[in-house]
PDB file of all heavy atoms in Angstrom:
ATOM      1  N   ALA A   1     111.594  35.573 133.584  1.00  0.00           N
ATOM      2  CA  ALA A   1     111.384  36.583 132.538  1.00  0.00           C
ATOM      3  C   ALA A   1     110.135  37.415 132.822  1.00  0.00           C
ATOM      4  O   ALA A   1     110.147  38.638 132.657  1.00  0.00           O
ATOM      5  CB  ALA A   1     111.283  35.912 131.178  1.00  0.00           C
ATOM      6  N   ALA A   2     109.066  36.758 133.261  1.00  0.00           N
ATOM      7  CA  ALA A   2     107.831  37.486 133.570  1.00  0.00           C
ATOM      8  C   ALA A   2     108.037  38.432 134.749  1.00  0.00           C
ATOM      9  O   ALA A   2     107.544  39.572 134.744  1.00  0.00           O
ATOM     10  CB  ALA A   2     106.697  36.501 133.860  1.00  0.00           C
ATOM     11  N   LYS A   3     108.780  37.988 135.744  1.00  0.00           N
ATOM     12  CA  LYS A   3     109.066  38.841 136.901  1.00  0.00           C
ATOM     13  C   LYS A   3     109.906  40.046 136.483  1.00  0.00           C
ATOM     14  O   LYS A   3     109.611  41.184 136.865  1.00  0.00           O
ATOM     15  CB  LYS A   3     109.790  38.039 137.976  1.00  0.00           C
ATOM     16  CG  LYS A   3     110.086  38.828 139.232  1.00  0.00           C
ATOM     17  CD  LYS A   3     110.750  37.959 140.287  1.00  0.00           C
ATOM     18  CE  LYS A   3     111.064  38.795 141.525  1.00  0.00           C
ATOM     19  NZ  LYS A   3     111.749  37.986 142.552  1.00  0.00           N
ATOM     20  N   ARG A   4     110.940  39.797 135.685  1.00  0.00           N
ATOM     21  CA  ARG A   4     111.822  40.870 135.227  1.00  0.00           C
ATOM     22  C   ARG A   4     111.045  41.910 134.409  1.00  0.00           C
ATOM     23  O   ARG A   4     111.362  43.089 134.421  1.00  0.00           O
ATOM     24  CB  ARG A   4     112.938  40.269 134.376  1.00  0.00           C
ATOM     25  CG  ARG A   4     113.789  41.304 133.690  1.00  0.00           C
ATOM     26  CD  ARG A   4     114.824  40.650 132.771  1.00  0.00           C
ATOM     27  NE  ARG A   4     116.079  41.289 133.036  1.00  0.00           N
ATOM     28  CZ  ARG A   4     117.221  40.693 133.260  1.00  0.00           C
ATOM     29  NH1 ARG A   4     117.310  39.389 133.230  1.00  0.00           N
ATOM     30  NH2 ARG A   4     118.295  41.383 133.496  1.00  0.00           N
ATOM     31  N   ASN A   5     110.017  41.470 133.685  1.00  0.00           N
ATOM     32  CA  ASN A   5     109.262  42.335 132.782  1.00  0.00           C
ATOM     33  C   ASN A   5     107.826  42.552 133.249  1.00  0.00           C
ATOM     34  O   ASN A   5     106.920  42.750 132.447  1.00  0.00           O
ATOM     35  CB  ASN A   5     109.286  41.723 131.376  1.00  0.00           C
ATOM     36  CG  ASN A   5     110.674  41.750 130.795  1.00  0.00           C
ATOM     37  OD1 ASN A   5     111.155  42.779 130.359  1.00  0.00           O
ATOM     38  ND2 ASN A   5     111.348  40.596 130.810  1.00  0.00           N
ATOM     39  N   ALA A   6     107.628  42.540 134.566  1.00  0.00           N
ATOM     40  CA  ALA A   6     106.282  42.637 135.143  1.00  0.00           C
ATOM     41  C   ALA A   6     105.524  43.872 134.671  1.00  0.00           C
ATOM     42  O   ALA A   6     104.312  43.802 134.426  1.00  0.00           O
ATOM     43  CB  ALA A   6     106.360  42.619 136.669  1.00  0.00           C
ATOM     44  N   ALA A   7     106.192  44.987 134.511  1.00  0.00           N
ATOM     45  CA  ALA A   7     105.501  46.211 134.064  1.00  0.00           C
ATOM     46  C   ALA A   7     104.913  46.024 132.668  1.00  0.00           C
ATOM     47  O   ALA A   7     103.800  46.491 132.386  1.00  0.00           O
ATOM     48  CB  ALA A   7     106.456  47.401 134.075  1.00  0.00           C
ATOM     49  N   PHE A   8     105.638  45.320 131.784  1.00  0.00           N
ATOM     50  CA  PHE A   8     105.142  45.091 130.426  1.00  0.00           C
ATOM     51  C   PHE A   8     104.024  44.052 130.411  1.00  0.00           C
ATOM     52  O   PHE A   8     103.102  44.135 129.601  1.00  0.00           O
ATOM     53  CB  PHE A   8     106.275  44.662 129.498  1.00  0.00           C
ATOM     54  CG  PHE A   8     107.338  45.719 129.329  1.00  0.00           C
ATOM     55  CD1 PHE A   8     108.659  45.442 129.628  1.00  0.00           C
ATOM     56  CD2 PHE A   8     107.020  46.987 128.874  1.00  0.00           C
ATOM     57  CE1 PHE A   8     109.651  46.403 129.464  1.00  0.00           C
ATOM     58  CE2 PHE A   8     107.997  47.962 128.711  1.00  0.00           C
ATOM     59  CZ  PHE A   8     109.313  47.675 129.010  1.00  0.00           C
ATOM     60  N   VAL A   9     104.079  43.088 131.319  1.00  0.00           N
ATOM     61  CA  VAL A   9     103.002  42.116 131.459  1.00  0.00           C
ATOM     62  C   VAL A   9     101.757  42.837 131.962  1.00  0.00           C
ATOM     63  O   VAL A   9     100.660  42.664 131.420  1.00  0.00           O
ATOM     64  CB  VAL A   9     103.396  40.969 132.421  1.00  0.00           C
ATOM     65  CG1 VAL A   9     102.197  40.066 132.713  1.00  0.00           C
ATOM     66  CG2 VAL A   9     104.547  40.159 131.835  1.00  0.00           C
ATOM     67  N   ASP A  10     101.929  43.672 132.985  1.00  0.00           N
ATOM     68  CA  ASP A  10     100.805  44.385 133.581  1.00  0.00           C
ATOM     69  C   ASP A  10     100.100  45.309 132.608  1.00  0.00           C
ATOM     70  O   ASP A  10      98.881  45.462 132.667  1.00  0.00           O
ATOM     71  CB  ASP A  10     101.259  45.186 134.812  1.00  0.00           C
ATOM     72  CG  ASP A  10     101.672  44.293 135.975  1.00  0.00           C
ATOM     73  OD1 ASP A  10     101.360  43.080 135.955  1.00  0.00           O
ATOM     74  OD2 ASP A  10     102.328  44.807 136.907  1.00  0.00           O
ATOM     75  N   ASP A  11     100.861  45.930 131.690  1.00  0.00           N
ATOM     76  CA  ASP A  11     100.199  46.843 130.738  1.00  0.00           C
ATOM     77  C   ASP A  11      99.728  46.132 129.470  1.00  0.00           C
ATOM     78  O   ASP A  11      99.245  46.767 128.535  1.00  0.00           O
ATOM     79  CB  ASP A  11     101.073  48.064 130.422  1.00  0.00           C
ATOM     80  CG  ASP A  11     102.242  47.797 129.486  1.00  0.00           C
ATOM     81  OD1 ASP A  11     102.343  46.702 128.911  1.00  0.00           O
ATOM     82  OD2 ASP A  11     103.070  48.724 129.314  1.00  0.00           O
ATOM     83  N   GLY A  12      99.853  44.800 129.442  1.00  0.00           N
ATOM     84  CA  GLY A  12      99.333  44.020 128.331  1.00  0.00           C
ATOM     85  C   GLY A  12     100.244  43.946 127.112  1.00  0.00           C
ATOM     86  O   GLY A  12      99.864  43.395 126.089  1.00  0.00           O
ATOM     87  N   ARG A  13     101.439  44.465 127.234  1.00  0.00           N
ATOM     88  CA  ARG A  13     102.370  44.455 126.106  1.00  0.00           C
ATOM     89  C   ARG A  13     103.094  43.122 125.955  1.00  0.00           C
ATOM     90  O   ARG A  13     103.523  42.770 124.872  1.00  0.00           O
ATOM     91  CB  ARG A  13     103.409  45.561 126.293  1.00  0.00           C
ATOM     92  CG  ARG A  13     103.724  46.305 125.047  1.00  0.00           C
ATOM     93  CD  ARG A  13     104.690  47.445 125.278  1.00  0.00           C
ATOM     94  NE  ARG A  13     104.327  48.281 126.404  1.00  0.00           N
ATOM     95  CZ  ARG A  13     104.991  49.358 126.775  1.00  0.00           C
ATOM     96  NH1 ARG A  13     106.059  49.727 126.116  1.00  0.00           N
ATOM     97  NH2 ARG A  13     104.606  50.077 127.809  1.00  0.00           N
ATOM     98  N   ALA A  14     103.253  42.377 127.059  1.00  0.00           N
ATOM     99  CA  ALA A  14     104.030  41.139 127.032  1.00  0.00           C
ATOM    100  C   ALA A  14     103.243  39.968 127.619  1.00  0.00           C
ATOM    101  O   ALA A  14     102.498  40.127 128.582  1.00  0.00           O
ATOM    102  CB  ALA A  14     105.332  41.314 127.811  1.00  0.00           C
ATOM    103  N   LEU A  15     103.469  38.809 127.024  1.00  0.00           N
ATOM    104  CA  LEU A  15     102.875  37.562 127.489  1.00  0.00           C
ATOM    105  C   LEU A  15     103.971  36.499 127.472  1.00  0.00           C
ATOM    106  O   LEU A  15     104.670  36.351 126.463  1.00  0.00           O
ATOM    107  CB  LEU A  15     101.730  37.141 126.569  1.00  0.00           C
ATOM    108  CG  LEU A  15     101.094  35.774 126.831  1.00  0.00           C
ATOM    109  CD1 LEU A  15     100.381  35.761 128.186  1.00  0.00           C
ATOM    110  CD2 LEU A  15     100.129  35.434 125.706  1.00  0.00           C
ATOM    111  N   PHE A  16     104.125  35.775 128.572  1.00  0.00           N
ATOM    112  CA  PHE A  16     105.136  34.733 128.682  1.00  0.00           C
ATOM    113  C   PHE A  16     104.438  33.382 128.774  1.00  0.00           C
ATOM    114  O   PHE A  16     103.574  33.192 129.633  1.00  0.00           O
ATOM    115  CB  PHE A  16     106.036  34.986 129.898  1.00  0.00           C
ATOM    116  CG  PHE A  16     106.876  36.216 129.726  1.00  0.00           C
ATOM    117  CD1 PHE A  16     106.392  37.467 130.102  1.00  0.00           C
ATOM    118  CD2 PHE A  16     108.133  36.140 129.143  1.00  0.00           C
ATOM    119  CE1 PHE A  16     107.149  38.613 129.914  1.00  0.00           C
ATOM    120  CE2 PHE A  16     108.896  37.284 128.948  1.00  0.00           C
ATOM    121  CZ  PHE A  16     108.408  38.520 129.337  1.00  0.00           C
ATOM    122  N   VAL A  17     104.807  32.456 127.872  1.00  0.00           N
ATOM    123  CA  VAL A  17     104.127  31.173 127.740  1.00  0.00           C
ATOM    124  C   VAL A  17     105.113  30.035 127.984  1.00  0.00           C
ATOM    125  O   VAL A  17     106.149  29.956 127.311  1.00  0.00           O
ATOM    126  CB  VAL A  17     103.510  31.026 126.329  1.00  0.00           C
ATOM    127  CG1 VAL A  17     102.830  29.680 126.174  1.00  0.00           C
ATOM    128  CG2 VAL A  17     102.546  32.177 126.035  1.00  0.00           C
ATOM    129  N   HIS A  18     104.767  29.170 128.929  1.00  0.00           N
ATOM    130  CA  HIS A  18     105.597  27.997 129.207  1.00  0.00           C
ATOM    131  C   HIS A  18     105.237  26.911 128.194  1.00  0.00           C
ATOM    132  O   HIS A  18     104.215  26.236 128.315  1.00  0.00           O
ATOM    133  CB  HIS A  18     105.346  27.513 130.644  1.00  0.00           C
ATOM    134  CG  HIS A  18     106.080  26.261 130.974  1.00  0.00           C
ATOM    135  ND1 HIS A  18     105.527  25.265 131.739  1.00  0.00           N
ATOM    136  CD2 HIS A  18     107.310  25.825 130.626  1.00  0.00           C
ATOM    137  CE1 HIS A  18     106.388  24.288 131.860  1.00  0.00           C
ATOM    138  NE2 HIS A  18     107.479  24.593 131.180  1.00  0.00           N
ATOM    139  N   ALA A  19     106.073  26.785 127.162  1.00  0.00           N
ATOM    140  CA  ALA A  19     105.870  25.768 126.119  1.00  0.00           C
ATOM    141  C   ALA A  19     107.118  25.685 125.265  1.00  0.00           C
ATOM    142  O   ALA A  19     107.801  26.682 125.042  1.00  0.00           O
ATOM    143  CB  ALA A  19     104.678  26.138 125.232  1.00  0.00           C
ATOM    144  N   GLY A  20     107.395  24.495 124.803  1.00  0.00           N
ATOM    145  CA  GLY A  20     108.462  24.325 123.835  1.00  0.00           C
ATOM    146  C   GLY A  20     107.981  24.744 122.456  1.00  0.00           C
ATOM    147  O   GLY A  20     106.774  24.779 122.180  1.00  0.00           O
ATOM    148  N   MET A  21     108.900  25.045 121.601  1.00  0.00           N
ATOM    149  CA  MET A  21     108.586  25.505 120.250  1.00  0.00           C
ATOM    150  C   MET A  21     107.730  24.486 119.486  1.00  0.00           C
ATOM    151  O   MET A  21     106.796  24.858 118.783  1.00  0.00           O
ATOM    152  CB  MET A  21     109.895  25.769 119.523  1.00  0.00           C
ATOM    153  CG  MET A  21     109.770  26.247 118.126  1.00  0.00           C
ATOM    154  SD  MET A  21     111.446  26.524 117.499  1.00  0.00           S
ATOM    155  CE  MET A  21     111.072  26.878 115.814  1.00  0.00           C
ATOM    156  N   GLU A  22     108.051  23.218 119.636  1.00  0.00           N
ATOM    157  CA  GLU A  22     107.334  22.187 118.887  1.00  0.00           C
ATOM    158  C   GLU A  22     105.884  22.034 119.336  1.00  0.00           C
ATOM    159  O   GLU A  22     105.016  21.748 118.525  1.00  0.00           O
ATOM    160  CB  GLU A  22     108.042  20.830 119.032  1.00  0.00           C
ATOM    161  CG  GLU A  22     109.451  20.808 118.510  1.00  0.00           C
ATOM    162  CD  GLU A  22     110.511  21.164 119.550  1.00  0.00           C
ATOM    163  OE1 GLU A  22     110.189  21.812 120.574  1.00  0.00           O
ATOM    164  OE2 GLU A  22     111.668  20.804 119.341  1.00  0.00           O
ATOM    165  N   ALA A  23     105.627  22.217 120.621  1.00  0.00           N
ATOM    166  CA  ALA A  23     104.292  21.963 121.178  1.00  0.00           C
ATOM    167  C   ALA A  23     103.454  23.223 121.378  1.00  0.00           C
ATOM    168  O   ALA A  23     102.276  23.122 121.692  1.00  0.00           O
ATOM    169  CB  ALA A  23     104.430  21.233 122.509  1.00  0.00           C
ATOM    170  N   ALA A  24     104.034  24.376 121.213  1.00  0.00           N
ATOM    171  CA  ALA A  24     103.316  25.627 121.503  1.00  0.00           C
ATOM    172  C   ALA A  24     102.092  25.797 120.613  1.00  0.00           C
ATOM    173  O   ALA A  24     102.159  25.583 119.407  1.00  0.00           O
ATOM    174  CB  ALA A  24     104.248  26.816 121.320  1.00  0.00           C
ATOM    175  N   GLU A  25     101.004  26.175 121.233  1.00  0.00           N
ATOM    176  CA  GLU A  25      99.765  26.476 120.517  1.00  0.00           C
ATOM    177  C   GLU A  25      99.455  27.950 120.718  1.00  0.00           C
ATOM    178  O   GLU A  25      99.159  28.366 121.834  1.00  0.00           O
ATOM    179  CB  GLU A  25      98.620  25.609 121.048  1.00  0.00           C
ATOM    180  CG  GLU A  25      98.640  24.189 120.533  1.00  0.00           C
ATOM    181  CD  GLU A  25      98.515  24.086 119.019  1.00  0.00           C
ATOM    182  OE1 GLU A  25      97.826  24.922 118.405  1.00  0.00           O
ATOM    183  OE2 GLU A  25      99.120  23.171 118.440  1.00  0.00           O
ATOM    184  N   LEU A  26      99.537  28.708 119.667  1.00  0.00           N
ATOM    185  CA  LEU A  26      99.285  30.149 119.759  1.00  0.00           C
ATOM    186  C   LEU A  26      98.037  30.558 118.986  1.00  0.00           C
ATOM    187  O   LEU A  26      97.842  31.738 118.691  1.00  0.00           O
ATOM    188  CB  LEU A  26     100.511  30.917 119.261  1.00  0.00           C
ATOM    189  CG  LEU A  26     101.801  30.654 120.045  1.00  0.00           C
ATOM    190  CD1 LEU A  26     102.977  31.383 119.408  1.00  0.00           C
ATOM    191  CD2 LEU A  26     101.643  31.065 121.500  1.00  0.00           C
ATOM    192  N   GLY A  27      97.210  29.579 118.653  1.00  0.00           N
ATOM    193  CA  GLY A  27      95.970  29.881 117.944  1.00  0.00           C
ATOM    194  C   GLY A  27      96.238  30.573 116.625  1.00  0.00           C
ATOM    195  O   GLY A  27      97.121  30.184 115.867  1.00  0.00           O
ATOM    196  N   ARG A  28      95.492  31.631 116.382  1.00  0.00           N
ATOM    197  CA  ARG A  28      95.623  32.377 115.123  1.00  0.00           C
ATOM    198  C   ARG A  28      96.639  33.510 115.196  1.00  0.00           C
ATOM    199  O   ARG A  28      96.747  34.291 114.261  1.00  0.00           O
ATOM    200  CB  ARG A  28      94.269  32.944 114.723  1.00  0.00           C
ATOM    201  CG  ARG A  28      93.269  31.874 114.382  1.00  0.00           C
ATOM    202  CD  ARG A  28      91.961  32.487 113.979  1.00  0.00           C
ATOM    203  NE  ARG A  28      91.026  31.444 113.598  1.00  0.00           N
ATOM    204  CZ  ARG A  28      90.092  31.598 112.706  1.00  0.00           C
ATOM    205  NH1 ARG A  28      89.948  32.762 112.106  1.00  0.00           N
ATOM    206  NH2 ARG A  28      89.282  30.609 112.421  1.00  0.00           N
TER     207      ARG A  28
END
């Protein structure tokens, strides 16, 4: 997914996080 959307990652619009829903920590 990150490779497919590299342009959006590069411009700061997208972030891809390896985590399951139950364990994900997204802070505030």
